[in-house]
PDB file of N, CA and C in Angstrom:
ATOM      1  N   MET A   1     -19.202 -30.252  58.414  1.00  0.00           N
ATOM      2  CA  MET A   1     -19.803 -28.925  58.178  1.00  0.00           C
ATOM      3  C   MET A   1     -18.745 -27.783  58.273  1.00  0.00           C
ATOM      4  N   ARG A   2     -17.751 -28.205  59.276  1.00  0.00           N
ATOM      5  CA  ARG A   2     -16.704 -27.025  59.348  1.00  0.00           C
ATOM      6  C   ARG A   2     -16.050 -27.153  58.233  1.00  0.00           C
ATOM      7  N   GLY A   3     -15.653 -28.083  57.491  1.00  0.00           N
ATOM      8  CA  GLY A   3     -15.064 -27.906  56.240  1.00  0.00           C
ATOM      9  C   GLY A   3     -15.668 -27.349  55.143  1.00  0.00           C
ATOM     10  N   MET A   4     -17.060 -27.338  55.075  1.00  0.00           N
ATOM     11  CA  MET A   4     -17.646 -26.693  54.123  1.00  0.00           C
ATOM     12  C   MET A   4     -17.566 -25.236  54.435  1.00  0.00           C
ATOM     13  N   VAL A   5     -17.634 -24.845  55.558  1.00  0.00           N
ATOM     14  CA  VAL A   5     -17.512 -23.322  55.879  1.00  0.00           C
ATOM     15  C   VAL A   5     -16.020 -22.642  55.350  1.00  0.00           C
ATOM     16  N   ILE A   6     -14.973 -23.545  55.951  1.00  0.00           N
ATOM     17  CA  ILE A   6     -13.543 -23.211  55.196  1.00  0.00           C
ATOM     18  C   ILE A   6     -13.590 -23.014  53.973  1.00  0.00           C
ATOM     19  N   ALA A   7     -14.298 -23.907  52.947  1.00  0.00           N
ATOM     20  CA  ALA A   7     -14.216 -23.881  51.822  1.00  0.00           C
ATOM     21  C   ALA A   7     -14.872 -22.734  51.030  1.00  0.00           C
ATOM     22  N   VAL A   8     -16.109 -22.420  51.782  1.00  0.00           N
ATOM     23  CA  VAL A   8     -16.654 -21.272  51.256  1.00  0.00           C
ATOM     24  C   VAL A   8     -15.966 -19.686  51.523  1.00  0.00           C
ATOM     25  N   VAL A   9     -15.179 -19.797  52.857  1.00  0.00           N
ATOM     26  CA  VAL A   9     -14.548 -18.537  53.307  1.00  0.00           C
ATOM     27  C   VAL A   9     -13.334 -18.420  51.988  1.00  0.00           C
ATOM     28  N   ALA A  10     -12.880 -19.478  51.869  1.00  0.00           N
ATOM     29  CA  ALA A  10     -11.706 -19.867  50.856  1.00  0.00           C
ATOM     30  C   ALA A  10     -12.000 -19.208  49.511  1.00  0.00           C
ATOM     31  N   VAL A  11     -13.159 -19.766  49.047  1.00  0.00           N
ATOM     32  CA  VAL A  11     -13.645 -19.123  47.483  1.00  0.00           C
ATOM     33  C   VAL A  11     -14.128 -17.915  47.660  1.00  0.00           C
ATOM     34  N   LEU A  12     -14.606 -17.102  48.819  1.00  0.00           N
ATOM     35  CA  LEU A  12     -14.658 -15.922  48.867  1.00  0.00           C
ATOM     36  C   LEU A  12     -13.565 -15.088  49.001  1.00  0.00           C
ATOM     37  N   ALA A  13     -12.562 -15.466  49.689  1.00  0.00           N
ATOM     38  CA  ALA A  13     -11.290 -14.826  49.808  1.00  0.00           C
ATOM     39  C   ALA A  13     -10.564 -15.026  48.398  1.00  0.00           C
ATOM     40  N   VAL A  14     -10.812 -15.921  47.663  1.00  0.00           N
ATOM     41  CA  VAL A  14     -10.372 -15.803  46.395  1.00  0.00           C
ATOM     42  C   VAL A  14     -11.001 -14.853  45.337  1.00  0.00           C
ATOM     43  N   VAL A  15     -12.212 -14.750  45.411  1.00  0.00           N
ATOM     44  CA  VAL A  15     -13.188 -13.907  44.519  1.00  0.00           C
ATOM     45  C   VAL A  15     -12.775 -12.609  45.069  1.00  0.00           C
ATOM     46  N   ALA A  16     -12.580 -12.284  46.395  1.00  0.00           N
ATOM     47  CA  ALA A  16     -12.472 -11.061  46.728  1.00  0.00           C
ATOM     48  C   ALA A  16     -11.174 -10.482  46.595  1.00  0.00           C
ATOM     49  N   GLY A  17      -9.883 -11.208  46.415  1.00  0.00           N
ATOM     50  CA  GLY A  17      -8.741 -11.040  45.879  1.00  0.00           C
ATOM     51  C   GLY A  17      -8.857 -10.538  44.694  1.00  0.00           C
ATOM     52  N   GLY A  18      -9.576 -11.296  43.597  1.00  0.00           N
ATOM     53  CA  GLY A  18      -9.431 -11.167  42.294  1.00  0.00           C
ATOM     54  C   GLY A  18     -10.167  -9.838  42.069  1.00  0.00           C
ATOM     55  N   VAL A  19     -11.207  -9.429  42.495  1.00  0.00           N
ATOM     56  CA  VAL A  19     -11.967  -8.185  42.433  1.00  0.00           C
ATOM     57  C   VAL A  19     -11.091  -7.262  42.814  1.00  0.00           C
ATOM     58  N   ALA A  20     -10.387  -7.274  43.972  1.00  0.00           N
ATOM     59  CA  ALA A  20      -9.667  -6.139  44.473  1.00  0.00           C
ATOM     60  C   ALA A  20      -8.322  -5.784  43.397  1.00  0.00           C
ATOM     61  N   TRP A  21      -7.675  -7.141  42.831  1.00  0.00           N
ATOM     62  CA  TRP A  21      -6.647  -6.981  41.992  1.00  0.00           C
ATOM     63  C   TRP A  21      -6.984  -6.211  40.642  1.00  0.00           C
ATOM     64  N   ARG A  22      -8.371  -6.419  40.277  1.00  0.00           N
ATOM     65  CA  ARG A  22      -8.725  -5.946  39.064  1.00  0.00           C
ATOM     66  C   ARG A  22      -9.006  -4.514  39.365  1.00  0.00           C
ATOM     67  N   LEU A  23      -9.439  -4.138  40.529  1.00  0.00           N
ATOM     68  CA  LEU A  23      -9.838  -2.658  40.820  1.00  0.00           C
ATOM     69  C   LEU A  23      -8.448  -1.979  40.869  1.00  0.00           C
ATOM     70  N   VAL A  24      -7.493  -2.431  41.465  1.00  0.00           N
ATOM     71  CA  VAL A  24      -6.286  -1.778  41.351  1.00  0.00           C
ATOM     72  C   VAL A  24      -5.608  -1.571  40.053  1.00  0.00           C
ATOM     73  N   GLU A  25      -5.827  -2.686  39.276  1.00  0.00           N
ATOM     74  CA  GLU A  25      -5.448  -2.764  37.818  1.00  0.00           C
ATOM     75  C   GLU A  25      -5.884  -1.376  36.883  1.00  0.00           C
ATOM     76  N   LEU A  26      -7.336  -1.386  37.195  1.00  0.00           N
ATOM     77  CA  LEU A  26      -7.916  -0.112  36.443  1.00  0.00           C
ATOM     78  C   LEU A  26      -7.579   1.136  36.985  1.00  0.00           C
ATOM     79  N   GLY A  27      -7.366   1.226  38.388  1.00  0.00           N
ATOM     80  CA  GLY A  27      -6.906   2.449  38.859  1.00  0.00           C
ATOM     81  C   GLY A  27      -5.503   3.045  38.359  1.00  0.00           C
ATOM     82  N   SER A  28      -4.683   1.642  38.141  1.00  0.00           N
ATOM     83  CA  SER A  28      -3.287   2.488  37.519  1.00  0.00           C
ATOM     84  C   SER A  28      -3.029   2.333  36.104  1.00  0.00           C
ATOM     85  N   ALA A  29      -4.369   2.105  35.623  1.00  0.00           N
ATOM     86  CA  ALA A  29      -4.175   2.222  33.893  1.00  0.00           C
ATOM     87  C   ALA A  29      -3.531   3.532  33.449  1.00  0.00           C
ATOM     88  N   LYS A  30      -2.667   3.388  32.523  1.00  0.00           N
ATOM     89  CA  LYS A  30      -1.852   4.615  32.028  1.00  0.00           C
ATOM     90  C   LYS A  30      -2.844   5.436  31.152  1.00  0.00           C
ATOM     91  N   GLU A  31      -2.657   6.844  31.254  1.00  0.00           N
ATOM     92  CA  GLU A  31      -3.485   7.774  30.494  1.00  0.00           C
ATOM     93  C   GLU A  31      -3.269   7.526  29.025  1.00  0.00           C
ATOM     94  N   PRO A  32      -4.051   7.846  28.458  1.00  0.00           N
ATOM     95  CA  PRO A  32      -4.379   7.417  27.096  1.00  0.00           C
ATOM     96  C   PRO A  32      -3.205   8.323  26.364  1.00  0.00           C
ATOM     97  N   VAL A  33      -2.498   8.121  25.263  1.00  0.00           N
ATOM     98  CA  VAL A  33      -1.471   8.921  24.432  1.00  0.00           C
ATOM     99  C   VAL A  33      -2.288  10.012  23.760  1.00  0.00           C
ATOM    100  N   ALA A  34      -2.053  11.257  23.901  1.00  0.00           N
ATOM    101  CA  ALA A  34      -2.515  12.276  23.266  1.00  0.00           C
ATOM    102  C   ALA A  34      -2.057  12.431  21.786  1.00  0.00           C
ATOM    103  N   ALA A  35      -2.926  12.608  21.052  1.00  0.00           N
ATOM    104  CA  ALA A  35      -2.893  12.618  19.672  1.00  0.00           C
ATOM    105  C   ALA A  35      -1.735  13.869  19.117  1.00  0.00           C
ATOM    106  N   PRO A  36      -1.200  13.598  18.246  1.00  0.00           N
ATOM    107  CA  PRO A  36      -0.167  14.632  17.702  1.00  0.00           C
ATOM    108  C   PRO A  36      -0.842  16.245  17.344  1.00  0.00           C
ATOM    109  N   PRO A  37      -0.248  16.912  17.574  1.00  0.00           N
ATOM    110  CA  PRO A  37      -0.928  18.287  17.340  1.00  0.00           C
ATOM    111  C   PRO A  37      -1.556  18.202  15.801  1.00  0.00           C
ATOM    112  N   PRO A  38      -2.521  18.956  15.345  1.00  0.00           N
ATOM    113  CA  PRO A  38      -2.925  19.174  13.995  1.00  0.00           C
ATOM    114  C   PRO A  38      -1.790  19.926  13.117  1.00  0.00           C
ATOM    115  N   VAL A  39      -1.583  19.557  11.823  1.00  0.00           N
ATOM    116  CA  VAL A  39      -0.780  20.061  10.991  1.00  0.00           C
ATOM    117  C   VAL A  39      -1.464  21.459  10.344  1.00  0.00           C
ATOM    118  N   PRO A  40      -0.626  22.559  10.278  1.00  0.00           N
ATOM    119  CA  PRO A  40      -1.360  23.524   9.724  1.00  0.00           C
ATOM    120  C   PRO A  40      -1.418  23.460   8.215  1.00  0.00           C
ATOM    121  N   VAL A  41      -2.424  24.382   7.683  1.00  0.00           N
ATOM    122  CA  VAL A  41      -2.789  23.980   6.171  1.00  0.00           C
ATOM    123  C   VAL A  41      -2.989  25.262   5.758  1.00  0.00           C
ATOM    124  N   THR A  42      -2.265  25.561   4.644  1.00  0.00           N
ATOM    125  CA  THR A  42      -2.415  27.020   4.050  1.00  0.00           C
ATOM    126  C   THR A  42      -3.117  26.787   2.728  1.00  0.00           C
ATOM    127  N   ALA A  43      -3.897  28.102   2.378  1.00  0.00           N
ATOM    128  CA  ALA A  43      -4.606  28.102   1.218  1.00  0.00           C
ATOM    129  C   ALA A  43      -3.956  29.067   0.127  1.00  0.00           C
ATOM    130  N   ALA A  44      -4.178  28.676  -1.293  1.00  0.00           N
ATOM    131  CA  ALA A  44      -4.044  29.563  -2.300  1.00  0.00           C
ATOM    132  C   ALA A  44      -4.927  29.565  -3.222  1.00  0.00           C
ATOM    133  N   MET A  45      -4.929  30.471  -4.369  1.00  0.00           N
ATOM    134  CA  MET A  45      -5.773  30.650  -5.398  1.00  0.00           C
ATOM    135  C   MET A  45      -5.314  29.684  -6.156  1.00  0.00           C
ATOM    136  N   ALA A  46      -6.270  29.055  -6.954  1.00  0.00           N
ATOM    137  CA  ALA A  46      -6.010  28.042  -8.124  1.00  0.00           C
ATOM    138  C   ALA A  46      -5.959  28.893  -9.541  1.00  0.00           C
ATOM    139  N   THR A  47      -4.704  28.419 -10.058  1.00  0.00           N
ATOM    140  CA  THR A  47      -4.456  28.886 -11.172  1.00  0.00           C
ATOM    141  C   THR A  47      -4.201  28.133 -12.469  1.00  0.00           C
ATOM    142  N   SER A  48      -4.353  28.399 -13.724  1.00  0.00           N
ATOM    143  CA  SER A  48      -4.376  27.551 -14.552  1.00  0.00           C
ATOM    144  C   SER A  48      -2.984  27.964 -15.339  1.00  0.00           C
ATOM    145  N   ARG A  49      -2.273  26.922 -15.505  1.00  0.00           N
ATOM    146  CA  ARG A  49      -1.028  26.898 -16.326  1.00  0.00           C
ATOM    147  C   ARG A  49      -0.601  25.448 -16.914  1.00  0.00           C
ATOM    148  N   ASP A  50       0.586  25.553 -17.843  1.00  0.00           N
ATOM    149  CA  ASP A  50       0.929  24.395 -18.475  1.00  0.00           C
ATOM    150  C   ASP A  50       2.046  23.532 -17.420  1.00  0.00           C
ATOM    151  N   VAL A  51       1.805  22.237 -17.435  1.00  0.00           N
ATOM    152  CA  VAL A  51       2.490  21.395 -16.696  1.00  0.00           C
ATOM    153  C   VAL A  51       3.188  20.502 -17.504  1.00  0.00           C
ATOM    154  N   PRO A  52       4.515  20.425 -17.472  1.00  0.00           N
ATOM    155  CA  PRO A  52       5.354  19.511 -18.317  1.00  0.00           C
ATOM    156  C   PRO A  52       4.876  18.061 -17.954  1.00  0.00           C
ATOM    157  N   ALA A  53       4.667  17.140 -18.755  1.00  0.00           N
ATOM    158  CA  ALA A  53       4.466  15.827 -18.718  1.00  0.00           C
ATOM    159  C   ALA A  53       5.287  14.756 -19.244  1.00  0.00           C
ATOM    160  N   ILE A  54       5.905  14.115 -18.321  1.00  0.00           N
ATOM    161  CA  ILE A  54       7.018  13.310 -18.520  1.00  0.00           C
ATOM    162  C   ILE A  54       6.504  11.870 -18.408  1.00  0.00           C
ATOM    163  N   VAL A  55       6.775  11.206 -19.540  1.00  0.00           N
ATOM    164  CA  VAL A  55       6.192   9.781 -19.520  1.00  0.00           C
ATOM    165  C   VAL A  55       7.460   8.786 -19.487  1.00  0.00           C
ATOM    166  N   THR A  56       7.502   7.975 -18.823  1.00  0.00           N
ATOM    167  CA  THR A  56       8.756   7.006 -18.925  1.00  0.00           C
ATOM    168  C   THR A  56       8.194   5.639 -19.375  1.00  0.00           C
ATOM    169  N   ALA A  57       8.425   5.352 -20.668  1.00  0.00           N
ATOM    170  CA  ALA A  57       7.900   3.841 -20.899  1.00  0.00           C
ATOM    171  C   ALA A  57       8.463   3.434 -22.152  1.00  0.00           C
ATOM    172  N   LEU A  58       8.302   2.171 -22.263  1.00  0.00           N
ATOM    173  CA  LEU A  58       8.931   1.560 -23.561  1.00  0.00           C
ATOM    174  C   LEU A  58       7.977   1.396 -24.697  1.00  0.00           C
ATOM    175  N   GLY A  59       8.446   1.474 -25.847  1.00  0.00           N
ATOM    176  CA  GLY A  59       7.517   1.330 -27.061  1.00  0.00           C
ATOM    177  C   GLY A  59       8.381   1.731 -28.332  1.00  0.00           C
ATOM    178  N   THR A  60       7.643   1.921 -29.292  1.00  0.00           N
ATOM    179  CA  THR A  60       8.022   1.948 -30.763  1.00  0.00           C
ATOM    180  C   THR A  60       7.415   3.236 -31.356  1.00  0.00           C
ATOM    181  N   VAL A  61       8.306   4.337 -31.770  1.00  0.00           N
ATOM    182  CA  VAL A  61       7.972   5.414 -32.322  1.00  0.00           C
ATOM    183  C   VAL A  61       8.322   5.081 -33.768  1.00  0.00           C
ATOM    184  N   GLN A  62       6.971   5.624 -34.466  1.00  0.00           N
ATOM    185  CA  GLN A  62       7.137   5.648 -35.958  1.00  0.00           C
ATOM    186  C   GLN A  62       6.832   7.075 -36.479  1.00  0.00           C
ATOM    187  N   SER A  63       7.429   7.213 -37.682  1.00  0.00           N
ATOM    188  CA  SER A  63       7.251   8.760 -38.089  1.00  0.00           C
ATOM    189  C   SER A  63       5.750   8.722 -38.861  1.00  0.00           C
ATOM    190  N   ILE A  64       5.331   9.820 -38.841  1.00  0.00           N
ATOM    191  CA  ILE A  64       3.948  10.101 -39.685  1.00  0.00           C
ATOM    192  C   ILE A  64       4.253   9.847 -41.118  1.00  0.00           C
ATOM    193  N   ASP A  65       5.264  10.607 -41.734  1.00  0.00           N
ATOM    194  CA  ASP A  65       5.659  10.436 -43.205  1.00  0.00           C
ATOM    195  C   ASP A  65       7.034   9.481 -43.311  1.00  0.00           C
ATOM    196  N   THR A  66       7.063   8.795 -44.203  1.00  0.00           N
ATOM    197  CA  THR A  66       8.333   8.009 -44.483  1.00  0.00           C
ATOM    198  C   THR A  66       8.579   8.051 -46.184  1.00  0.00           C
ATOM    199  N   VAL A  67       9.775   7.814 -46.441  1.00  0.00           N
ATOM    200  CA  VAL A  67      10.075   8.167 -47.855  1.00  0.00           C
ATOM    201  C   VAL A  67      11.004   6.987 -48.075  1.00  0.00           C
ATOM    202  N   ASN A  68      10.677   6.089 -49.362  1.00  0.00           N
ATOM    203  CA  ASN A  68      11.714   5.307 -49.832  1.00  0.00           C
ATOM    204  C   ASN A  68      12.649   6.004 -50.820  1.00  0.00           C
ATOM    205  N   VAL A  69      13.943   5.981 -50.551  1.00  0.00           N
ATOM    206  CA  VAL A  69      14.937   6.683 -51.471  1.00  0.00           C
ATOM    207  C   VAL A  69      15.255   5.449 -52.601  1.00  0.00           C
ATOM    208  N   THR A  70      15.039   5.766 -53.979  1.00  0.00           N
ATOM    209  CA  THR A  70      15.595   5.046 -55.001  1.00  0.00           C
ATOM    210  C   THR A  70      16.468   5.685 -55.807  1.00  0.00           C
ATOM    211  N   PRO A  71      17.623   5.053 -56.121  1.00  0.00           N
ATOM    212  CA  PRO A  71      18.744   5.752 -56.912  1.00  0.00           C
ATOM    213  C   PRO A  71      18.346   5.640 -58.342  1.00  0.00           C
ATOM    214  N   ARG A  72      18.825   6.769 -59.133  1.00  0.00           N
ATOM    215  CA  ARG A  72      18.695   6.702 -60.479  1.00  0.00           C
ATOM    216  C   ARG A  72      19.722   5.846 -61.372  1.00  0.00           C
ATOM    217  N   VAL A  73      20.716   5.843 -60.520  1.00  0.00           N
ATOM    218  CA  VAL A  73      21.988   5.256 -61.177  1.00  0.00           C
ATOM    219  C   VAL A  73      22.520   4.267 -59.915  1.00  0.00           C
ATOM    220  N   ASN A  74      23.040   3.224 -60.230  1.00  0.00           N
ATOM    221  CA  ASN A  74      23.721   2.214 -59.374  1.00  0.00           C
ATOM    222  C   ASN A  74      25.296   2.646 -59.013  1.00  0.00           C
ATOM    223  N   GLY A  75      25.750   2.377 -58.136  1.00  0.00           N
ATOM    224  CA  GLY A  75      27.255   2.720 -57.866  1.00  0.00           C
ATOM    225  C   GLY A  75      27.548   2.683 -56.098  1.00  0.00           C
ATOM    226  N   ARG A  76      28.661   2.675 -55.881  1.00  0.00           N
ATOM    227  CA  ARG A  76      29.148   2.413 -54.586  1.00  0.00           C
ATOM    228  C   ARG A  76      28.970   4.140 -53.907  1.00  0.00           C
ATOM    229  N   ILE A  77      28.586   3.745 -52.572  1.00  0.00           N
ATOM    230  CA  ILE A  77      28.072   5.113 -51.779  1.00  0.00           C
ATOM    231  C   ILE A  77      29.450   5.497 -51.254  1.00  0.00           C
ATOM    232  N   GLU A  78      29.919   6.722 -51.365  1.00  0.00           N
ATOM    233  CA  GLU A  78      31.190   7.617 -50.699  1.00  0.00           C
ATOM    234  C   GLU A  78      30.962   8.095 -49.531  1.00  0.00           C
ATOM    235  N   GLY A  79      29.651   8.827 -49.487  1.00  0.00           N
ATOM    236  CA  GLY A  79      29.194   9.550 -48.506  1.00  0.00           C
ATOM    237  C   GLY A  79      27.800   9.886 -48.348  1.00  0.00           C
ATOM    238  N   ILE A  80      27.416   9.948 -46.807  1.00  0.00           N
ATOM    239  CA  ILE A  80      26.118  10.111 -46.658  1.00  0.00           C
ATOM    240  C   ILE A  80      25.982  11.523 -45.855  1.00  0.00           C
ATOM    241  N   TYR A  81      24.865  12.184 -46.321  1.00  0.00           N
ATOM    242  CA  TYR A  81      24.726  13.644 -45.849  1.00  0.00           C
ATOM    243  C   TYR A  81      23.676  13.778 -45.078  1.00  0.00           C
ATOM    244  N   PHE A  82      23.127  12.744 -44.265  1.00  0.00           N
ATOM    245  CA  PHE A  82      22.122  12.951 -43.251  1.00  0.00           C
ATOM    246  C   PHE A  82      22.451  11.821 -42.143  1.00  0.00           C
ATOM    247  N   LYS A  83      21.659  12.051 -41.272  1.00  0.00           N
ATOM    248  CA  LYS A  83      21.584  10.814 -40.113  1.00  0.00           C
ATOM    249  C   LYS A  83      19.856  10.527 -40.265  1.00  0.00           C
ATOM    250  N   GLN A  84      19.909   9.312 -39.680  1.00  0.00           N
ATOM    251  CA  GLN A  84      18.398   8.597 -39.571  1.00  0.00           C
ATOM    252  C   GLN A  84      17.648   9.446 -38.687  1.00  0.00           C
ATOM    253  N   GLY A  85      16.436   9.866 -39.123  1.00  0.00           N
ATOM    254  CA  GLY A  85      15.483  10.737 -38.502  1.00  0.00           C
ATOM    255  C   GLY A  85      15.737  12.211 -38.671  1.00  0.00           C
ATOM    256  N   ASP A  86      16.582  12.634 -39.572  1.00  0.00           N
ATOM    257  CA  ASP A  86      16.787  13.994 -39.893  1.00  0.00           C
ATOM    258  C   ASP A  86      15.690  14.534 -40.774  1.00  0.00           C
ATOM    259  N   GLU A  87      15.423  15.673 -40.662  1.00  0.00           N
ATOM    260  CA  GLU A  87      14.429  16.240 -41.564  1.00  0.00           C
ATOM    261  C   GLU A  87      15.226  16.714 -42.971  1.00  0.00           C
ATOM    262  N   VAL A  88      14.698  16.447 -43.978  1.00  0.00           N
ATOM    263  CA  VAL A  88      15.578  16.722 -45.324  1.00  0.00           C
ATOM    264  C   VAL A  88      14.593  17.676 -46.025  1.00  0.00           C
ATOM    265  N   ALA A  89      15.102  18.508 -47.140  1.00  0.00           N
ATOM    266  CA  ALA A  89      14.323  19.411 -47.658  1.00  0.00           C
ATOM    267  C   ALA A  89      14.641  18.869 -49.307  1.00  0.00           C
ATOM    268  N   LYS A  90      13.761  19.211 -50.334  1.00  0.00           N
ATOM    269  CA  LYS A  90      13.736  19.100 -51.534  1.00  0.00           C
ATOM    270  C   LYS A  90      14.994  19.586 -52.128  1.00  0.00           C
ATOM    271  N   GLY A  91      15.707  18.701 -52.913  1.00  0.00           N
ATOM    272  CA  GLY A  91      17.079  19.580 -53.556  1.00  0.00           C
ATOM    273  C   GLY A  91      18.301  19.098 -52.657  1.00  0.00           C
ATOM    274  N   GLN A  92      18.062  18.673 -51.260  1.00  0.00           N
ATOM    275  CA  GLN A  92      19.400  18.537 -50.450  1.00  0.00           C
ATOM    276  C   GLN A  92      20.172  17.392 -50.932  1.00  0.00           C
ATOM    277  N   LYS A  93      21.311  17.630 -50.896  1.00  0.00           N
ATOM    278  CA  LYS A  93      22.385  16.550 -51.200  1.00  0.00           C
ATOM    279  C   LYS A  93      22.020  15.221 -50.035  1.00  0.00           C
ATOM    280  N   LEU A  94      22.056  14.241 -50.512  1.00  0.00           N
ATOM    281  CA  LEU A  94      21.649  13.140 -49.561  1.00  0.00           C
ATOM    282  C   LEU A  94      23.248  12.153 -49.335  1.00  0.00           C
ATOM    283  N   PHE A  95      23.440  11.595 -50.881  1.00  0.00           N
ATOM    284  CA  PHE A  95      24.782  10.662 -50.835  1.00  0.00           C
ATOM    285  C   PHE A  95      25.327  11.015 -51.840  1.00  0.00           C
ATOM    286  N   LEU A  96      26.678  10.671 -51.855  1.00  0.00           N
ATOM    287  CA  LEU A  96      27.760  10.954 -52.862  1.00  0.00           C
ATOM    288  C   LEU A  96      28.018   9.563 -53.317  1.00  0.00           C
ATOM    289  N   LEU A  97      27.903   9.230 -54.505  1.00  0.00           N
ATOM    290  CA  LEU A  97      28.095   7.897 -55.319  1.00  0.00           C
ATOM    291  C   LEU A  97      29.816   8.206 -55.725  1.00  0.00           C
ATOM    292  N   ASN A  98      30.353   7.185 -55.891  1.00  0.00           N
ATOM    293  CA  ASN A  98      31.663   6.988 -56.700  1.00  0.00           C
ATOM    294  C   ASN A  98      31.805   7.423 -58.052  1.00  0.00           C
ATOM    295  N   PRO A  99      32.288   8.622 -58.226  1.00  0.00           N
ATOM    296  CA  PRO A  99      32.247   9.277 -59.943  1.00  0.00           C
ATOM    297  C   PRO A  99      32.864   8.504 -60.743  1.00  0.00           C
ATOM    298  N   ARG A 100      33.942   8.092 -60.376  1.00  0.00           N
ATOM    299  CA  ARG A 100      35.061   7.269 -61.258  1.00  0.00           C
ATOM    300  C   ARG A 100      34.478   6.563 -62.231  1.00  0.00           C
ATOM    301  N   PRO A 101      33.566   5.458 -62.052  1.00  0.00           N
ATOM    302  CA  PRO A 101      32.948   4.543 -63.207  1.00  0.00           C
ATOM    303  C   PRO A 101      32.336   5.500 -64.311  1.00  0.00           C
ATOM    304  N   TYR A 102      31.455   6.494 -63.741  1.00  0.00           N
ATOM    305  CA  TYR A 102      30.629   7.183 -64.730  1.00  0.00           C
ATOM    306  C   TYR A 102      31.669   8.188 -65.553  1.00  0.00           C
ATOM    307  N   GLN A 103      32.692   8.823 -64.936  1.00  0.00           N
ATOM    308  CA  GLN A 103      33.612   9.481 -65.592  1.00  0.00           C
ATOM    309  C   GLN A 103      34.545   8.719 -66.486  1.00  0.00           C
ATOM    310  N   ALA A 104      34.799   7.660 -66.238  1.00  0.00           N
ATOM    311  CA  ALA A 104      35.419   6.625 -67.451  1.00  0.00           C
ATOM    312  C   ALA A 104      34.678   6.451 -68.167  1.00  0.00           C
ATOM    313  N   ALA A 105      33.233   6.061 -68.227  1.00  0.00           N
ATOM    314  CA  ALA A 105      32.187   5.909 -69.338  1.00  0.00           C
ATOM    315  C   ALA A 105      32.129   7.028 -70.294  1.00  0.00           C
ATOM    316  N   LEU A 106      32.347   8.331 -69.488  1.00  0.00           N
ATOM    317  CA  LEU A 106      32.071   9.543 -70.440  1.00  0.00           C
ATOM    318  C   LEU A 106      33.233   9.788 -71.015  1.00  0.00           C
ATOM    319  N   ASP A 107      34.427   9.418 -70.828  1.00  0.00           N
ATOM    320  CA  ASP A 107      35.940   9.676 -71.450  1.00  0.00           C
ATOM    321  C   ASP A 107      35.895   8.733 -72.336  1.00  0.00           C
TER     322      ASP A 107
END
């Protein structure tokens, strides 16, 4: 019987020690960290204006109008007076053909 009393007292001591340790732990809990201060916000009137749109992408661009240039005569090209993609006007000089064969035929 005396062994049983000692066992009960030992169990009660362990339980009381656990409860006391938990109470001490709760009492020494750190204060919660305060939230950062709010960020100030400014307001402005909404306005309408053009905003540049820049698109970076891969792709193919095709001209709306294309023209096939066909010569009236055959000959060696000596000079080109435009670059790919340039706009050309009616009557503008585009190519220079070697004039010597035609001059020789004329003579």
